[in-house]
Structure formats: structure tokens, C-alpha cells
Protein backbone atom coordinates (compact mmCIF):
# COMPACT_ATOMS: atom_id res chain seq x y z
CA MET A 1 -11.01 84.48 -57.72
CA THR A 2 -10.42 83.93 -54.27
CA TYR A 3 -12.69 85.23 -51.62
CA ARG A 4 -13.05 85.26 -47.61
CA LEU A 5 -16.51 84.43 -46.75
CA ARG A 6 -18.43 85.16 -43.35
CA HIS A 7 -22.06 83.83 -42.84
CA ARG A 8 -23.60 84.26 -39.84
CA THR A 9 -26.92 83.32 -38.93
CA GLU A 10 -28.70 84.42 -35.66
CA TYR A 11 -32.06 83.40 -34.28
CA SER A 12 -33.58 85.25 -31.39
CA TYR A 13 -36.38 83.54 -29.09
CA SER A 14 -38.82 85.16 -27.00
CA PHE A 15 -39.26 81.99 -24.28
CA PRO A 16 -36.28 79.92 -23.70
CA VAL A 17 -34.97 76.96 -25.93
CA ALA A 18 -34.70 73.96 -23.90
CA CYS A 19 -33.01 71.65 -26.37
CA SER A 20 -32.42 72.16 -30.19
CA HIS A 21 -31.00 69.96 -32.97
CA HIS A 22 -29.90 71.45 -35.82
CA VAL A 23 -28.20 70.35 -39.71
CA SER A 24 -26.29 73.11 -41.37
CA HIS A 25 -25.17 73.13 -45.06
CA MET A 26 -23.01 76.70 -44.83
CA ALA A 27 -19.74 75.14 -45.48
CA PRO A 28 -18.48 75.73 -49.30
CA ARG A 29 -18.50 72.49 -51.41
CA GLN A 30 -15.22 71.13 -53.44
CA THR A 31 -15.95 71.25 -56.92
CA ASP A 32 -13.67 70.99 -60.21
CA PHE A 33 -14.07 74.47 -60.00
CA GLN A 34 -13.82 75.61 -56.24
CA SER A 35 -11.73 74.68 -53.43
CA SER A 36 -11.94 75.80 -49.68
CA ALA A 37 -9.45 76.41 -46.85
CA GLU A 38 -9.56 77.71 -43.05
CA ASP A 39 -13.20 76.61 -43.09
CA ARG A 40 -14.08 77.29 -39.42
CA ILE A 41 -17.96 77.29 -37.96
CA PHE A 42 -18.79 78.65 -34.48
CA ILE A 43 -22.13 77.78 -32.77
CA SER A 44 -23.38 79.88 -29.31
CA PRO A 45 -24.29 77.95 -27.01
CA THR A 46 -21.66 75.36 -27.49
CA PRO A 47 -23.33 72.09 -28.69
CA ALA A 48 -23.25 68.89 -26.42
CA VAL A 49 -22.95 67.28 -29.68
CA SER A 50 -21.57 67.97 -33.41
CA LEU A 51 -20.71 65.85 -36.23
CA GLU A 52 -19.47 66.97 -39.36
CA LYS A 53 -20.45 64.45 -42.49
CA TRP A 54 -21.44 64.10 -46.09
CA ASP A 55 -24.80 64.15 -46.79
CA TYR A 56 -26.64 62.13 -49.93
CA PHE A 57 -25.56 64.52 -52.39
CA GLY A 58 -21.96 64.31 -51.19
CA ASN A 59 -22.38 68.10 -49.48
CA THR A 60 -20.70 68.88 -46.23
CA ALA A 61 -23.80 68.77 -43.47
CA THR A 62 -22.79 69.97 -40.03
CA HIS A 63 -25.39 68.06 -37.23
CA PHE A 64 -25.43 69.45 -33.91
CA THR A 65 -27.84 69.53 -30.48
CA VAL A 66 -27.67 72.32 -27.96
CA GLN A 67 -28.80 70.93 -24.76
CA GLU A 68 -28.41 74.15 -22.46
CA SER A 69 -31.49 76.65 -22.03
CA HIS A 70 -30.95 79.63 -24.82
CA THR A 71 -32.67 82.09 -26.08
CA LYS A 72 -30.50 83.28 -28.91
CA LEU A 73 -28.70 80.73 -31.31
CA VAL A 74 -25.56 82.19 -33.76
CA VAL A 75 -24.16 79.85 -36.33
CA GLU A 76 -20.99 81.61 -38.12
CA ILE A 77 -18.84 80.09 -41.08
CA SER A 78 -15.80 81.41 -42.20
CA SER A 79 -14.10 80.09 -45.16
CA LEU A 80 -11.25 81.10 -47.89
CA VAL A 81 -12.89 80.02 -51.29
CA THR A 82 -11.20 80.08 -54.42
CA VAL A 83 -13.23 79.36 -57.40
CA GLN A 84 -12.32 78.81 -61.50
CA PRO A 85 -13.68 80.06 -64.20
CA VAL A 86 -16.09 78.40 -66.34
CA PRO A 87 -14.13 77.09 -69.78
CA HIS A 88 -15.65 78.51 -72.77
CA LEU A 89 -19.03 76.90 -73.96
CA TYR A 90 -20.56 76.48 -77.25
CA PRO A 91 -24.30 75.69 -76.63
CA GLU A 92 -25.24 75.44 -80.36
CA GLN A 93 -22.41 72.08 -80.40
CA THR A 94 -24.47 70.62 -77.24
CA ILE A 95 -26.95 67.41 -78.89
CA PRO A 96 -30.77 67.82 -79.09
CA TRP A 97 -32.70 67.85 -75.75
CA GLU A 98 -35.17 65.25 -76.86
CA GLN A 99 -31.96 62.67 -77.59
CA VAL A 100 -31.44 63.51 -73.78
CA ARG A 101 -34.83 62.86 -72.86
CA GLU A 102 -34.76 59.52 -74.85
CA GLN A 103 -31.59 58.57 -73.71
CA LEU A 104 -31.66 59.43 -69.62
CA PRO A 105 -33.55 56.83 -68.36
CA GLY A 106 -31.77 53.86 -70.04
CA ASP A 107 -28.17 55.57 -69.45
CA LEU A 108 -26.98 53.34 -66.54
CA SER A 109 -23.09 54.92 -66.95
CA PRO A 110 -22.11 56.69 -63.13
CA MET A 111 -23.11 60.35 -64.21
CA GLY A 112 -26.37 58.97 -66.28
CA LEU A 113 -27.64 56.92 -62.88
CA ALA A 114 -27.01 60.38 -61.11
CA ALA A 115 -28.60 62.97 -63.26
CA TYR A 116 -31.47 60.61 -63.70
CA GLN A 117 -32.70 61.02 -59.99
CA PHE A 118 -32.95 65.24 -60.58
CA ALA A 119 -35.58 64.26 -63.26
CA PHE A 120 -38.56 64.10 -61.24
CA ALA A 121 -40.76 66.20 -58.81
CA SER A 122 -39.58 66.56 -55.31
CA GLU A 123 -40.87 68.67 -52.09
CA HIS A 124 -40.69 72.20 -53.91
CA VAL A 125 -40.64 71.25 -57.10
CA THR A 126 -43.57 70.14 -59.09
CA LEU A 127 -44.37 68.71 -62.84
CA SER A 128 -47.00 70.19 -64.72
CA ARG A 129 -48.19 70.43 -68.22
CA ASP A 130 -48.42 74.37 -67.42
CA LEU A 131 -44.58 74.18 -67.04
CA ALA A 132 -43.83 71.92 -69.88
CA ASP A 133 -45.51 74.29 -72.06
CA TYR A 134 -43.39 77.70 -71.17
CA ALA A 135 -40.38 75.85 -71.10
CA ARG A 136 -41.19 74.62 -74.89
CA VAL A 137 -40.91 78.02 -76.02
CA SER A 138 -37.15 77.38 -75.82
CA PHE A 139 -37.25 73.98 -76.11
CA THR A 140 -38.45 73.54 -79.76
CA PRO A 141 -37.93 70.63 -81.84
CA GLY A 142 -33.97 69.76 -82.54
CA ARG A 143 -32.71 72.87 -80.91
CA PRO A 144 -29.29 71.84 -78.69
CA ILE A 145 -29.98 71.20 -75.02
CA LEU A 146 -27.81 74.17 -73.29
CA GLU A 147 -28.82 76.31 -76.32
CA ALA A 148 -32.39 75.92 -75.21
CA GLY A 149 -31.31 75.74 -71.49
CA MET A 150 -29.10 79.07 -72.31
CA ASP A 151 -32.99 80.71 -73.90
CA LEU A 152 -35.17 79.35 -70.89
CA THR A 153 -32.85 81.00 -68.60
CA ALA A 154 -32.72 84.06 -70.27
CA ARG A 155 -36.79 84.15 -70.95
CA ILE A 156 -37.22 83.84 -66.95
CA PHE A 157 -34.83 86.58 -65.93
CA HIS A 158 -36.77 89.11 -68.51
CA GLU A 159 -40.30 88.13 -67.85
CA PHE A 160 -40.18 87.85 -64.15
CA THR A 161 -39.67 90.29 -61.42
CA PHE A 162 -37.63 89.98 -58.62
CA ASP A 163 -39.54 90.74 -55.67
CA PRO A 164 -38.45 90.14 -52.05
CA LYS A 165 -42.89 89.86 -50.35
CA ALA A 166 -43.99 88.37 -53.16
CA THR A 167 -43.59 84.69 -51.92
CA GLU A 168 -42.26 82.43 -49.19
CA VAL A 169 -40.52 79.41 -49.14
CA SER A 170 -43.80 77.17 -49.75
CA THR A 171 -45.55 79.18 -52.34
CA PRO A 172 -46.40 76.79 -55.31
CA LEU A 173 -44.83 76.93 -58.70
CA ARG A 174 -48.38 77.10 -60.44
CA THR A 175 -48.28 80.99 -58.12
CA VAL A 176 -45.02 81.93 -58.90
CA LEU A 177 -45.48 80.93 -62.88
CA ILE A 178 -49.06 83.14 -63.07
CA ALA A 179 -47.78 86.18 -60.82
CA LYS A 180 -44.25 86.15 -62.46
CA ARG A 181 -42.49 87.61 -59.08
CA GLY A 182 -40.44 86.23 -56.89
CA VAL A 183 -36.87 85.67 -55.71
CA CYS A 184 -33.78 83.93 -56.90
CA GLN A 185 -35.25 80.53 -55.08
CA ASP A 186 -38.23 80.74 -56.92
CA PHE A 187 -36.61 81.28 -59.99
CA ALA A 188 -34.27 78.35 -59.16
CA HIS A 189 -37.18 76.02 -58.71
CA LEU A 190 -39.51 77.48 -61.70
CA MET A 191 -36.44 76.79 -64.07
CA ILE A 192 -35.97 73.33 -62.15
CA GLY A 193 -39.88 72.46 -62.70
CA CYS A 194 -39.50 73.44 -66.32
CA LEU A 195 -36.94 70.80 -67.38
CA ARG A 196 -38.26 68.38 -64.96
CA SER A 197 -41.74 68.74 -66.48
CA LEU A 198 -39.78 67.98 -69.95
CA GLY A 199 -38.42 64.65 -68.71
CA LEU A 200 -34.27 66.15 -68.15
CA GLY A 201 -32.09 66.06 -65.15
CA ALA A 202 -31.93 69.54 -63.64
CA ARG A 203 -30.89 70.02 -59.75
CA TYR A 204 -31.01 72.60 -57.42
CA VAL A 205 -28.15 74.84 -56.12
CA SER A 206 -27.37 76.69 -53.08
CA GLY A 207 -24.16 79.50 -52.64
CA TYR A 208 -23.50 83.04 -53.19
CA ILE A 209 -23.05 85.51 -55.86
CA GLN A 210 -20.41 88.49 -55.43
CA THR A 211 -22.36 91.89 -55.21
CA LEU A 212 -20.68 95.27 -56.15
CA PRO A 213 -21.40 98.22 -54.74
CA PRO A 214 -22.47 101.37 -57.05
CA PRO A 215 -19.62 103.42 -58.39
CA GLY A 216 -17.76 105.48 -55.99
CA GLN A 217 -19.26 103.28 -52.76
CA GLU A 218 -18.07 101.06 -50.37
CA LYS A 219 -19.77 97.56 -50.08
CA LEU A 220 -21.89 97.19 -46.85
CA VAL A 221 -20.46 94.43 -44.54
CA GLY A 222 -23.36 91.68 -44.97
CA SER A 223 -25.09 93.08 -47.95
CA ASP A 224 -24.50 89.72 -49.98
CA ALA A 225 -27.06 87.36 -49.08
CA SER A 226 -27.47 83.52 -50.12
CA HIS A 227 -28.22 82.96 -53.22
CA ALA A 228 -29.65 79.97 -55.55
CA TRP A 229 -29.60 78.65 -59.30
CA CYS A 230 -30.26 76.04 -61.43
CA SER A 231 -28.08 73.16 -63.02
CA LEU A 232 -28.54 71.32 -66.47
CA TYR A 233 -27.16 67.75 -67.49
CA CYS A 234 -25.71 67.94 -70.33
CA PRO A 235 -24.20 64.81 -71.59
CA GLY A 236 -20.73 65.38 -73.35
CA LEU A 237 -20.52 68.53 -70.77
CA GLY A 238 -21.86 67.03 -67.64
CA TRP A 239 -23.66 69.96 -65.04
CA VAL A 240 -24.07 73.44 -66.57
CA ASP A 241 -25.06 76.11 -63.88
CA LEU A 242 -27.30 78.70 -65.19
CA ASP A 243 -28.45 81.53 -63.55
CA PRO A 244 -31.90 82.79 -64.28
CA THR A 245 -31.90 85.74 -61.71
CA ASN A 246 -28.97 87.38 -63.81
CA ASN A 247 -28.83 85.62 -66.87
CA VAL A 248 -25.94 84.24 -66.68
CA ILE A 249 -23.82 80.57 -66.57
CA ALA A 250 -22.63 80.49 -63.16
CA SER A 251 -18.85 80.97 -62.86
CA ASP A 252 -16.02 82.83 -60.90
CA GLN A 253 -18.67 85.05 -59.44
CA HIS A 254 -20.41 82.09 -57.76
CA VAL A 255 -19.62 80.51 -54.65
CA THR A 256 -21.12 77.02 -54.73
CA LEU A 257 -22.23 75.46 -50.84
CA GLY A 258 -24.11 72.09 -51.99
CA TRP A 259 -27.10 71.03 -54.57
CA GLY A 260 -29.90 68.51 -54.27
CA ARG A 261 -33.44 68.13 -56.07
CA ASP A 262 -34.65 71.61 -54.05
CA PHE A 263 -34.36 73.75 -51.33
CA ALA A 264 -35.17 71.41 -49.10
CA ASP A 265 -31.73 69.27 -49.25
CA VAL A 266 -29.51 72.31 -48.64
CA SER A 267 -31.39 74.85 -46.86
CA PRO A 268 -28.85 76.66 -45.06
CA LEU A 269 -29.80 76.11 -41.29
CA ARG A 270 -32.46 73.89 -40.19
CA GLY A 271 -33.57 72.47 -37.07
CA VAL A 272 -36.28 71.39 -34.60
CA ILE A 273 -36.47 73.28 -31.33
CA LEU A 274 -38.24 72.22 -27.95
CA GLY A 275 -40.07 76.08 -26.02
CA GLY A 276 -38.54 79.27 -28.27
CA GLY A 277 -42.06 80.81 -28.84
CA LYS A 278 -41.93 83.27 -31.39
CA HIS A 279 -38.64 83.79 -33.31
CA LYS A 280 -36.70 86.31 -35.36
CA VAL A 281 -33.62 85.46 -37.87
CA ASN A 282 -31.39 87.79 -39.11
CA VAL A 283 -29.06 86.67 -41.61
CA ALA A 284 -25.57 88.41 -42.69
CA VAL A 285 -23.37 87.21 -45.58
CA ASP A 286 -20.00 88.90 -46.85
CA LEU A 287 -17.87 87.31 -49.80
CA VAL A 288 -15.08 90.04 -50.48
CA ALA A 289 -12.05 89.06 -52.74
CA ALA A 290 -9.07 88.36 -50.99
């Protein structure tokens, strides 16, 4: 699938901002199954300084500073993205999950070292016995790791309710686990916390998913939204992206922006401002088949 992507974020401030510093993770990442072209970023007011570079995890990050007074900040990215479907997988043929857990700390290969750093707690992902207990319903003794991971994906999908008003970015995983309500970011963090609490490697993936309008209706401009899912390390396969919000293996309907330990590593736009007072934010995402 080839998509035209447009992501526009607009901040409106009640008082002028004298100066602001920002980091954006809004450009699609190049992966084995994804490539992008015609990447363009528009920022208003025009930054005094703008620098694009790779962050620690290999994601494209744009650092910029606005030094003129402003009451509105607009950041817009547009890209042409091509995503290849994921090859058919055989979950029942992957190795037992306990074997992965035991091998991971001593695996000194580049892939093993890269995966092990995603087995620990992070800013938005705590580890706990409660999370491990929830995961063990799927991760029974000797079960193939991807088969277990897909079962956990399905359980979160069926047992949790999508509710945009139930949580905030800072809502603890324990609250999400008890209330069984949240959004895609919460479900991704929850699944990652479950996997890491078992000693497995799991990373947070930020991106988009193509949404289809009801039959007979046109797609609304800006109706797509930022999305998030989980990626599980499966030796022999590498990283497998699992989307608990939709109970699917991420494929050519998913566009990847980047990955990290959790949301804090790949927030689409964050920054520090001087002044501004209260603010309102409006985000519009369009992901349209080209």
C-alpha cells in the first residue's frame, strides 16, 4: 500500500510565547517493510534553528527553536509512504517463551543486545507481579512465544474497552489494568508492561493506522489519528508488531513513525516554552491511499 500522509498539529496560546524549543517525531521511519518519499515539514513561525537527526533508537527527530513572539504554533508533515505486507507467520513454530527469557540476558549478538534494553521498566511502563500474573494466562508453560503474544493481544482487545475519557498520558498501568479502559497508547503500554514483567523484550511503536469510513460514506478529512502498538522480540523472526487495540499483527494498514521504550521516547511533538499561559491543541491526521 502507498499512502499520502499529512499530520498537522496546532497549538494556540492565551498569551504570547517568547521562545520555545521542540522535538518532533512526525516523519515516517524507514524499515524493512516501509519506505517514504517527498517528506516535507512546515513549521510556523519559521524556526530560528532547525536540525534533523537520528535519535538513540534510529528514529528521525526534528529539533527546532522559535525565537519570535507567537500565540500559535503549527507543525505539519507530509509524506508519500509505501508499506509492504508482513510475510505469513507461523506462531506455533516459534520457540517457547521461557527459552527466550532465559537466553536474552546472555545474548551478546547485536539483535540480542538491542532487544534486551527493552526488557526493563521505563517512564510510562512499570513492572509488577499483577502484570506478570495477567500475562501468564496467555504465557503458559512451554507455549511458543508468538502464539502466547497473539493470545495476550486478543485478550486485551476483548477484555478492555476503548474509552478516550478514561485515562491521561500519566495514568498508571495499575489503574488501566483494574479499570480495563483506555486508548491505544494505554493498551500498548499495558501489553509492554505484561511482557517485560515476564522478562521479555517489548518496545513501543508510534504510528498511524488507516481507518475506513462506513459503507457508502466518504472519509472525513483529518479523521485518522495517531496510533500506538507493541512490538515483541521473537528470536528467529526478529520484532513482530502486535496491535492490541485492533487484535491484529500490524501489516500494510499500519504506518510506523518510530519506536522506543514508551510514549515518552517517540512523542509526536514535545517541547519547552517561555510564556504562553493556557493552551489548546488541535491535531489532524490524514492517511489516504495514493
